[in-house]
Protein backbone atom coordinates (compact mmCIF):
# COMPACT_ATOMS: atom_id res chain seq x y z
CA PRO A 1 143.02 25.88 20.92
CA PRO A 2 146.24 26.09 18.92
CA TYR A 3 149.42 24.54 20.25
CA GLY A 4 151.24 26.79 22.69
CA SER A 5 148.14 28.61 23.88
CA PRO A 6 147.48 28.60 27.63
CA GLY A 7 145.89 25.37 28.81
CA SER A 8 146.15 23.65 25.44
CA ASN A 9 148.22 20.75 26.67
CA GLN A 10 146.82 20.08 30.11
CA ASP A 11 145.98 16.51 29.11
CA VAL A 12 149.36 15.80 27.54
CA ALA A 13 151.56 13.31 29.39
CA GLU A 14 155.09 14.31 30.31
CA ASN A 15 156.62 11.88 27.83
CA ASP A 16 154.57 13.05 24.83
CA SER A 17 156.52 14.28 21.87
CA THR A 18 156.02 15.03 18.22
CA ALA A 19 157.58 12.88 15.52
CA ARG A 20 157.20 12.29 11.81
CA ILE A 21 156.24 8.68 11.06
CA ALA A 22 156.03 6.57 7.93
CA PHE A 23 153.71 3.61 7.53
CA ALA A 24 155.03 0.34 6.16
CA ASN A 25 151.61 -0.15 4.56
CA PRO A 26 150.35 3.14 3.04
CA GLU A 27 146.73 1.94 3.37
CA ASP A 28 147.11 2.15 7.18
CA ALA A 29 147.77 5.89 6.91
CA ALA A 30 144.26 6.54 5.58
CA GLN A 31 142.72 6.22 9.05
CA PHE A 32 144.77 9.14 10.43
CA THR A 33 144.74 12.86 9.79
CA ALA A 34 147.34 15.52 10.53
CA GLY A 35 147.46 16.08 14.28
CA SER A 36 146.07 12.64 15.17
CA ARG A 37 147.28 11.21 18.46
CA VAL A 38 148.74 7.74 18.40
CA GLN A 39 150.43 5.46 20.88
CA VAL A 40 153.74 4.11 19.63
CA ASN A 41 155.80 1.25 21.05
CA ILE A 42 159.44 1.42 20.07
CA PHE A 43 161.46 -1.77 20.25
CA LEU A 44 165.12 -0.87 20.49
CA GLU A 45 166.24 -4.45 20.65
CA GLU A 46 164.48 -7.80 20.65
CA ARG A 47 165.68 -11.32 21.38
CA PRO A 48 162.84 -13.85 21.05
CA ASP A 49 164.72 -16.85 22.50
CA ALA A 50 166.30 -15.01 25.42
CA LEU A 51 166.39 -16.33 28.97
CA TRP A 52 164.74 -13.76 31.28
CA LEU A 53 164.41 -13.29 35.03
CA PRO A 54 162.55 -10.70 37.08
CA PRO A 55 164.88 -8.12 38.67
CA ALA A 56 163.94 -9.40 42.15
CA ALA A 57 165.66 -12.72 41.35
CA LEU A 58 169.02 -10.98 40.94
CA ARG A 59 171.38 -10.32 43.79
CA GLU A 60 174.42 -8.11 44.00
CA PHE A 61 177.45 -8.17 46.29
CA ASN A 62 180.63 -6.12 45.83
CA GLY A 63 179.62 -5.27 42.26
CA ARG A 64 179.05 -8.93 41.42
CA GLN A 65 175.66 -9.88 39.91
CA PHE A 66 174.50 -13.38 40.78
CA VAL A 67 171.49 -15.61 41.35
CA VAL A 68 170.97 -18.50 43.74
CA ILE A 69 169.97 -21.79 42.14
CA GLN A 70 168.86 -25.09 43.62
CA GLN A 71 171.34 -27.83 42.88
CA ASP A 72 171.81 -31.34 44.29
CA GLY A 73 169.54 -30.70 47.27
CA GLY A 74 171.27 -27.44 48.20
CA GLU A 75 171.71 -23.91 46.96
CA ARG A 76 174.57 -22.41 44.98
CA ARG A 77 175.45 -18.86 43.97
CA VAL A 78 176.02 -18.43 40.25
CA ASP A 79 177.47 -15.29 38.68
CA VAL A 80 175.40 -14.04 35.75
CA VAL A 81 176.04 -11.76 32.81
CA LEU A 82 173.09 -9.46 32.16
CA GLY A 83 171.77 -8.38 28.78
CA ILE A 84 168.89 -6.15 27.78
CA GLU A 85 166.37 -4.99 30.35
CA GLY A 86 162.72 -4.12 29.94
CA ASP A 87 159.12 -4.90 30.85
CA GLY A 88 160.06 -5.89 34.39
CA ARG A 89 162.55 -8.51 33.31
CA ILE A 90 166.26 -8.79 32.59
CA GLU A 91 167.94 -10.99 30.01
CA ILE A 92 170.48 -13.47 31.37
CA VAL A 93 173.24 -13.86 28.78
CA SER A 94 175.21 -16.46 30.73
CA GLY A 95 175.44 -18.13 34.12
CA VAL A 96 172.14 -20.01 34.24
CA ALA A 97 170.35 -22.19 31.73
CA GLU A 98 166.76 -22.98 30.89
CA GLY A 99 165.48 -25.44 33.47
CA ASP A 100 167.67 -24.18 36.34
CA ILE A 101 165.61 -23.44 39.45
CA VAL A 102 166.33 -19.90 40.63
CA VAL A 103 165.64 -19.20 44.30
CA GLY A 104 163.91 -15.88 44.97
CA GLN A 105 164.93 -13.47 47.71
């Protein structure tokens, strides 16, 4: 049925939308026709060498974001600056370094 007719979009997910796309390689376009459905991943920002933690590792108190790390046989709270967030992980811009042992909650 044409778009807009009753029942025509019962299988459409809530986040579906229409967009005009351009292929970096025109040969890739040959496998699609007008009206083809595609899944698109949009990367708004990417940092390949970023330090990431799962959100559950972060703690918050009085608006202060921090993690607890193991250090010298004990534990220490360390304030962190957060960066981009996605895929169940959050970038840590500063506060901890690669190799630090973060204690979960």
